[in-house]
Amino acid sequence: MKKVYLLFVVLTTILSGCAMHNGYINNSVALSSNNYIIKGQASGAATATYIFGLGGLDRTAMVAEAKKDMMYNFPLREGEAYANTSVDWKNSFIFFVKTSKVTISADIIKFTK
């Protein structure tokens, strides 16, 4: 019975994990009058993985990489802008492995006047 209990505790410890989320919203476009329409939403992401705290060395600026990914996937046309930009972080921990993911999303607006 003690072996089964010990095995259960060890497996629970090894296979358990947790995740933390945080983020913020920023608006750099003045939307004070009704001279625009919302055309859709754009997003981009960047991920880094660390094992025993090592790794992710090819990532220098994850937010900049996520923004570049968003701009590549959803390029703006004339008269359009990104608005209501949000940056979300997710850090996952599973045993000795940490994964960090940054996601940037924004509304695509088109000015009508």
N, C-alpha and C. Protein backbone atom coordinates (compact mmCIF):
# COMPACT_ATOMS: atom_id res chain seq x y z
N MET A 1 0.83 -1.20 0.00
CA MET A 1 0.00 0.00 0.00
C MET A 1 0.86 1.25 0.00
N LYS A 2 1.98 1.22 0.77
CA LYS A 2 2.85 2.39 0.80
C LYS A 2 3.48 2.65 -0.56
N LYS A 3 3.78 1.57 -1.30
CA LYS A 3 4.38 1.74 -2.63
C LYS A 3 3.39 2.41 -3.60
N VAL A 4 2.13 2.01 -3.51
CA VAL A 4 1.10 2.60 -4.37
C VAL A 4 0.92 4.07 -4.03
N TYR A 5 0.87 4.39 -2.76
CA TYR A 5 0.73 5.77 -2.32
C TYR A 5 1.94 6.61 -2.76
N LEU A 6 3.14 6.08 -2.58
CA LEU A 6 4.35 6.78 -2.98
C LEU A 6 4.37 6.99 -4.49
N LEU A 7 3.98 5.97 -5.25
CA LEU A 7 3.91 6.09 -6.70
C LEU A 7 2.90 7.16 -7.09
N PHE A 8 1.75 7.20 -6.44
CA PHE A 8 0.74 8.22 -6.71
C PHE A 8 1.29 9.62 -6.44
N VAL A 9 1.97 9.82 -5.33
CA VAL A 9 2.53 11.14 -4.99
C VAL A 9 3.59 11.55 -5.99
N VAL A 10 4.46 10.63 -6.37
CA VAL A 10 5.52 10.94 -7.33
C VAL A 10 4.92 11.29 -8.70
N LEU A 11 3.98 10.49 -9.19
CA LEU A 11 3.37 10.78 -10.49
C LEU A 11 2.58 12.07 -10.48
N THR A 12 1.89 12.35 -9.40
CA THR A 12 1.14 13.60 -9.29
C THR A 12 2.09 14.80 -9.33
N THR A 13 3.20 14.69 -8.65
CA THR A 13 4.18 15.77 -8.64
C THR A 13 4.81 15.97 -10.01
N ILE A 14 5.17 14.88 -10.66
CA ILE A 14 5.83 14.97 -11.96
C ILE A 14 4.89 15.50 -13.04
N LEU A 15 3.67 15.04 -13.03
CA LEU A 15 2.74 15.38 -14.10
C LEU A 15 1.92 16.64 -13.84
N SER A 16 2.08 17.24 -12.70
CA SER A 16 1.31 18.44 -12.42
C SER A 16 1.96 19.65 -13.07
N GLY A 17 1.19 20.66 -13.28
CA GLY A 17 1.69 21.89 -13.88
C GLY A 17 0.78 23.03 -13.51
N CYS A 18 1.20 24.21 -13.91
CA CYS A 18 0.36 25.38 -13.67
C CYS A 18 0.61 26.38 -14.77
N ALA A 19 -0.25 27.36 -14.85
CA ALA A 19 -0.11 28.42 -15.85
C ALA A 19 -0.51 29.74 -15.23
N MET A 20 0.14 30.80 -15.66
CA MET A 20 -0.19 32.15 -15.22
C MET A 20 -0.44 33.01 -16.45
N HIS A 21 -1.46 33.83 -16.37
CA HIS A 21 -1.83 34.70 -17.48
C HIS A 21 -1.83 36.15 -16.99
N ASN A 22 -1.39 37.05 -17.85
CA ASN A 22 -1.56 38.48 -17.59
C ASN A 22 -1.53 39.21 -18.92
N GLY A 23 -1.95 40.46 -18.91
CA GLY A 23 -1.99 41.22 -20.14
C GLY A 23 -2.44 42.64 -19.91
N TYR A 24 -2.41 43.42 -20.98
CA TYR A 24 -2.85 44.81 -20.90
C TYR A 24 -3.35 45.26 -22.25
N ILE A 25 -4.12 46.35 -22.25
CA ILE A 25 -4.67 46.92 -23.48
C ILE A 25 -4.12 48.33 -23.64
N ASN A 26 -3.77 48.66 -24.87
CA ASN A 26 -3.23 49.98 -25.17
C ASN A 26 -3.92 50.49 -26.44
N ASN A 27 -4.20 51.77 -26.50
CA ASN A 27 -4.81 52.36 -27.68
C ASN A 27 -3.97 53.54 -28.12
N SER A 28 -3.39 53.43 -29.31
CA SER A 28 -2.54 54.50 -29.81
C SER A 28 -3.21 55.31 -30.92
N VAL A 29 -4.45 54.99 -31.25
CA VAL A 29 -5.17 55.69 -32.30
C VAL A 29 -6.31 56.48 -31.65
N ALA A 30 -6.46 57.74 -32.05
CA ALA A 30 -7.53 58.57 -31.51
C ALA A 30 -8.83 58.23 -32.23
N LEU A 31 -9.77 57.66 -31.48
CA LEU A 31 -11.07 57.29 -32.05
C LEU A 31 -12.17 58.11 -31.39
N SER A 32 -12.02 59.41 -31.45
CA SER A 32 -12.95 60.29 -30.73
C SER A 32 -14.22 60.60 -31.52
N SER A 33 -14.19 60.44 -32.83
CA SER A 33 -15.40 60.72 -33.60
C SER A 33 -15.81 59.47 -34.38
N ASN A 34 -16.98 59.53 -34.95
CA ASN A 34 -17.53 58.37 -35.66
C ASN A 34 -17.09 58.40 -37.13
N ASN A 35 -15.79 58.34 -37.37
CA ASN A 35 -15.27 58.41 -38.73
C ASN A 35 -14.50 57.15 -39.12
N TYR A 36 -14.90 56.02 -38.57
CA TYR A 36 -14.19 54.77 -38.85
C TYR A 36 -15.16 53.59 -38.77
N ILE A 37 -14.72 52.47 -39.37
CA ILE A 37 -15.43 51.21 -39.21
C ILE A 37 -14.41 50.15 -38.78
N ILE A 38 -14.87 49.18 -38.02
CA ILE A 38 -14.00 48.09 -37.62
C ILE A 38 -14.09 47.00 -38.68
N LYS A 39 -12.95 46.68 -39.30
CA LYS A 39 -12.92 45.70 -40.38
C LYS A 39 -12.67 44.28 -39.90
N GLY A 40 -12.06 44.13 -38.74
CA GLY A 40 -11.75 42.78 -38.26
C GLY A 40 -10.75 42.84 -37.12
N GLN A 41 -10.16 41.69 -36.84
CA GLN A 41 -9.18 41.62 -35.77
C GLN A 41 -7.94 40.91 -36.29
N ALA A 42 -6.79 41.39 -35.82
CA ALA A 42 -5.50 40.81 -36.19
C ALA A 42 -4.82 40.27 -34.94
N SER A 43 -3.98 39.26 -35.12
CA SER A 43 -3.22 38.75 -33.98
C SER A 43 -1.91 38.14 -34.45
N GLY A 44 -0.97 38.08 -33.53
CA GLY A 44 0.33 37.47 -33.78
C GLY A 44 0.86 36.92 -32.48
N ALA A 45 1.78 35.97 -32.56
CA ALA A 45 2.27 35.31 -31.34
C ALA A 45 3.75 34.99 -31.46
N ALA A 46 4.38 34.84 -30.30
CA ALA A 46 5.77 34.38 -30.19
C ALA A 46 5.86 33.48 -28.97
N THR A 47 6.66 32.42 -29.07
CA THR A 47 6.78 31.44 -28.00
C THR A 47 8.24 31.12 -27.73
N ALA A 48 8.56 30.89 -26.46
CA ALA A 48 9.89 30.44 -26.06
C ALA A 48 9.73 29.33 -25.03
N THR A 49 10.60 28.33 -25.10
CA THR A 49 10.56 27.20 -24.17
C THR A 49 11.88 27.13 -23.42
N TYR A 50 11.79 26.89 -22.13
CA TYR A 50 12.96 26.79 -21.26
C TYR A 50 12.91 25.45 -20.53
N ILE A 51 14.02 24.73 -20.54
CA ILE A 51 14.13 23.47 -19.82
C ILE A 51 15.21 23.64 -18.76
N PHE A 52 14.86 23.43 -17.51
CA PHE A 52 15.74 23.69 -16.37
C PHE A 52 16.24 25.13 -16.39
N GLY A 53 15.43 26.05 -16.87
CA GLY A 53 15.78 27.46 -16.92
C GLY A 53 16.65 27.84 -18.09
N LEU A 54 17.00 26.89 -18.92
CA LEU A 54 17.85 27.16 -20.08
C LEU A 54 17.02 27.08 -21.35
N GLY A 55 17.32 27.95 -22.28
CA GLY A 55 16.61 27.94 -23.56
C GLY A 55 16.09 29.32 -23.88
N GLY A 56 15.44 29.42 -25.01
CA GLY A 56 14.88 30.69 -25.42
C GLY A 56 15.93 31.72 -25.80
N LEU A 57 17.15 31.26 -26.07
CA LEU A 57 18.23 32.20 -26.35
C LEU A 57 18.07 32.91 -27.68
N ASP A 58 17.30 32.32 -28.60
CA ASP A 58 17.07 32.98 -29.88
C ASP A 58 15.97 34.02 -29.81
N ARG A 59 15.37 34.19 -28.66
CA ARG A 59 14.31 35.18 -28.47
C ARG A 59 14.87 36.39 -27.74
N THR A 60 14.93 37.51 -28.41
CA THR A 60 15.45 38.72 -27.77
C THR A 60 14.34 39.65 -27.32
N ALA A 61 13.25 39.69 -28.06
CA ALA A 61 12.14 40.58 -27.72
C ALA A 61 10.86 39.92 -28.19
N MET A 62 10.23 39.16 -27.30
CA MET A 62 9.07 38.38 -27.70
C MET A 62 7.88 39.25 -28.11
N VAL A 63 7.68 40.38 -27.46
CA VAL A 63 6.57 41.26 -27.83
C VAL A 63 6.80 41.81 -29.24
N ALA A 64 8.03 42.20 -29.54
CA ALA A 64 8.34 42.71 -30.89
C ALA A 64 8.15 41.61 -31.94
N GLU A 65 8.52 40.38 -31.60
CA GLU A 65 8.32 39.27 -32.54
C GLU A 65 6.84 38.99 -32.76
N ALA A 66 6.04 39.05 -31.70
CA ALA A 66 4.60 38.85 -31.85
C ALA A 66 3.97 39.96 -32.69
N LYS A 67 4.44 41.20 -32.48
CA LYS A 67 3.93 42.32 -33.28
C LYS A 67 4.31 42.16 -34.74
N LYS A 68 5.53 41.74 -34.99
CA LYS A 68 5.97 41.51 -36.37
C LYS A 68 5.14 40.41 -37.02
N ASP A 69 4.82 39.34 -36.26
CA ASP A 69 3.99 38.26 -36.76
C ASP A 69 2.59 38.77 -37.10
N MET A 70 2.03 39.62 -36.24
CA MET A 70 0.70 40.18 -36.49
C MET A 70 0.72 41.04 -37.76
N MET A 71 1.74 41.88 -37.90
CA MET A 71 1.81 42.77 -39.06
C MET A 71 2.05 41.99 -40.35
N TYR A 72 2.75 40.86 -40.26
CA TYR A 72 2.98 40.02 -41.44
C TYR A 72 1.69 39.30 -41.84
N ASN A 73 0.96 38.77 -40.85
CA ASN A 73 -0.26 38.02 -41.13
C ASN A 73 -1.44 38.90 -41.52
N PHE A 74 -1.47 40.12 -41.01
CA PHE A 74 -2.59 41.04 -41.27
C PHE A 74 -2.04 42.42 -41.63
N PRO A 75 -1.45 42.57 -42.83
CA PRO A 75 -0.91 43.88 -43.22
C PRO A 75 -2.02 44.91 -43.42
N LEU A 76 -1.68 46.14 -43.12
CA LEU A 76 -2.64 47.24 -43.25
C LEU A 76 -2.65 47.78 -44.66
N ARG A 77 -3.83 48.21 -45.09
CA ARG A 77 -3.97 48.89 -46.37
C ARG A 77 -4.08 50.38 -46.10
N GLU A 78 -4.15 51.16 -47.15
CA GLU A 78 -4.25 52.62 -47.00
C GLU A 78 -5.52 52.99 -46.24
N GLY A 79 -5.38 53.88 -45.27
CA GLY A 79 -6.52 54.33 -44.48
C GLY A 79 -6.87 53.43 -43.31
N GLU A 80 -6.07 52.38 -43.07
CA GLU A 80 -6.35 51.47 -41.97
C GLU A 80 -5.32 51.66 -40.85
N ALA A 81 -5.71 51.21 -39.66
CA ALA A 81 -4.81 51.30 -38.50
C ALA A 81 -5.19 50.20 -37.51
N TYR A 82 -4.23 49.86 -36.66
CA TYR A 82 -4.51 48.95 -35.55
C TYR A 82 -5.01 49.78 -34.37
N ALA A 83 -6.04 49.31 -33.69
CA ALA A 83 -6.57 50.01 -32.52
C ALA A 83 -6.89 49.00 -31.44
N ASN A 84 -7.00 49.48 -30.22
CA ASN A 84 -7.32 48.63 -29.07
C ASN A 84 -6.38 47.43 -28.98
N THR A 85 -5.11 47.70 -29.06
CA THR A 85 -4.09 46.65 -29.04
C THR A 85 -3.98 46.05 -27.65
N SER A 86 -3.98 44.73 -27.58
CA SER A 86 -3.79 44.06 -26.30
C SER A 86 -2.60 43.11 -26.38
N VAL A 87 -1.87 43.01 -25.29
CA VAL A 87 -0.73 42.12 -25.17
C VAL A 87 -1.03 41.15 -24.04
N ASP A 88 -1.04 39.87 -24.35
CA ASP A 88 -1.35 38.84 -23.37
C ASP A 88 -0.15 37.90 -23.22
N TRP A 89 0.18 37.60 -21.96
CA TRP A 89 1.27 36.68 -21.64
C TRP A 89 0.70 35.42 -21.02
N LYS A 90 1.25 34.29 -21.40
CA LYS A 90 0.92 33.03 -20.74
C LYS A 90 2.23 32.30 -20.43
N ASN A 91 2.44 32.01 -19.15
CA ASN A 91 3.60 31.24 -18.72
C ASN A 91 3.09 29.92 -18.17
N SER A 92 3.51 28.82 -18.78
CA SER A 92 3.12 27.49 -18.34
C SER A 92 4.32 26.78 -17.75
N PHE A 93 4.08 26.06 -16.67
CA PHE A 93 5.13 25.31 -16.01
C PHE A 93 4.68 23.86 -15.88
N ILE A 94 5.47 22.97 -16.43
CA ILE A 94 5.23 21.54 -16.27
C ILE A 94 6.56 20.92 -15.88
N PHE A 95 6.64 20.55 -14.61
CA PHE A 95 7.83 19.99 -14.02
C PHE A 95 9.00 20.96 -14.20
N PHE A 96 9.99 20.64 -15.00
CA PHE A 96 11.15 21.53 -15.17
C PHE A 96 11.10 22.30 -16.49
N VAL A 97 9.96 22.30 -17.14
CA VAL A 97 9.82 22.96 -18.44
C VAL A 97 8.90 24.16 -18.29
N LYS A 98 9.37 25.31 -18.75
CA LYS A 98 8.57 26.53 -18.75
C LYS A 98 8.37 26.97 -20.19
N THR A 99 7.13 27.30 -20.53
CA THR A 99 6.82 27.83 -21.85
C THR A 99 6.21 29.21 -21.69
N SER A 100 6.78 30.19 -22.37
CA SER A 100 6.26 31.55 -22.37
C SER A 100 5.69 31.85 -23.74
N LYS A 101 4.47 32.38 -23.76
CA LYS A 101 3.83 32.74 -25.03
C LYS A 101 3.28 34.15 -24.91
N VAL A 102 3.57 34.97 -25.91
CA VAL A 102 3.05 36.33 -26.00
C VAL A 102 2.13 36.39 -27.21
N THR A 103 0.93 36.90 -26.99
CA THR A 103 -0.02 37.09 -28.09
C THR A 103 -0.43 38.55 -28.12
N ILE A 104 -0.32 39.15 -29.30
CA ILE A 104 -0.76 40.53 -29.51
C ILE A 104 -1.97 40.49 -30.42
N SER A 105 -3.02 41.18 -30.02
CA SER A 105 -4.21 41.27 -30.88
C SER A 105 -4.64 42.73 -30.96
N ALA A 106 -5.29 43.05 -32.05
CA ALA A 106 -5.74 44.43 -32.27
C ALA A 106 -6.92 44.44 -33.22
N ASP A 107 -7.76 45.45 -33.09
CA ASP A 107 -8.83 45.67 -34.05
C ASP A 107 -8.22 46.38 -35.26
N ILE A 108 -8.67 45.98 -36.44
CA ILE A 108 -8.27 46.69 -37.66
C ILE A 108 -9.40 47.66 -37.99
N ILE A 109 -9.07 48.95 -38.02
CA ILE A 109 -10.08 49.95 -38.34
C ILE A 109 -9.74 50.62 -39.66
N LYS A 110 -10.77 51.07 -40.34
CA LYS A 110 -10.60 51.83 -41.58
C LYS A 110 -11.30 53.16 -41.40
N PHE A 111 -10.54 54.22 -41.62
CA PHE A 111 -11.11 55.57 -41.50
C PHE A 111 -11.94 55.85 -42.73
N THR A 112 -13.13 56.41 -42.51
CA THR A 112 -14.07 56.66 -43.60
C THR A 112 -14.02 58.10 -44.09
N LYS A 113 -13.51 59.00 -43.28
CA LYS A 113 -13.45 60.41 -43.68
C LYS A 113 -12.05 60.93 -43.57
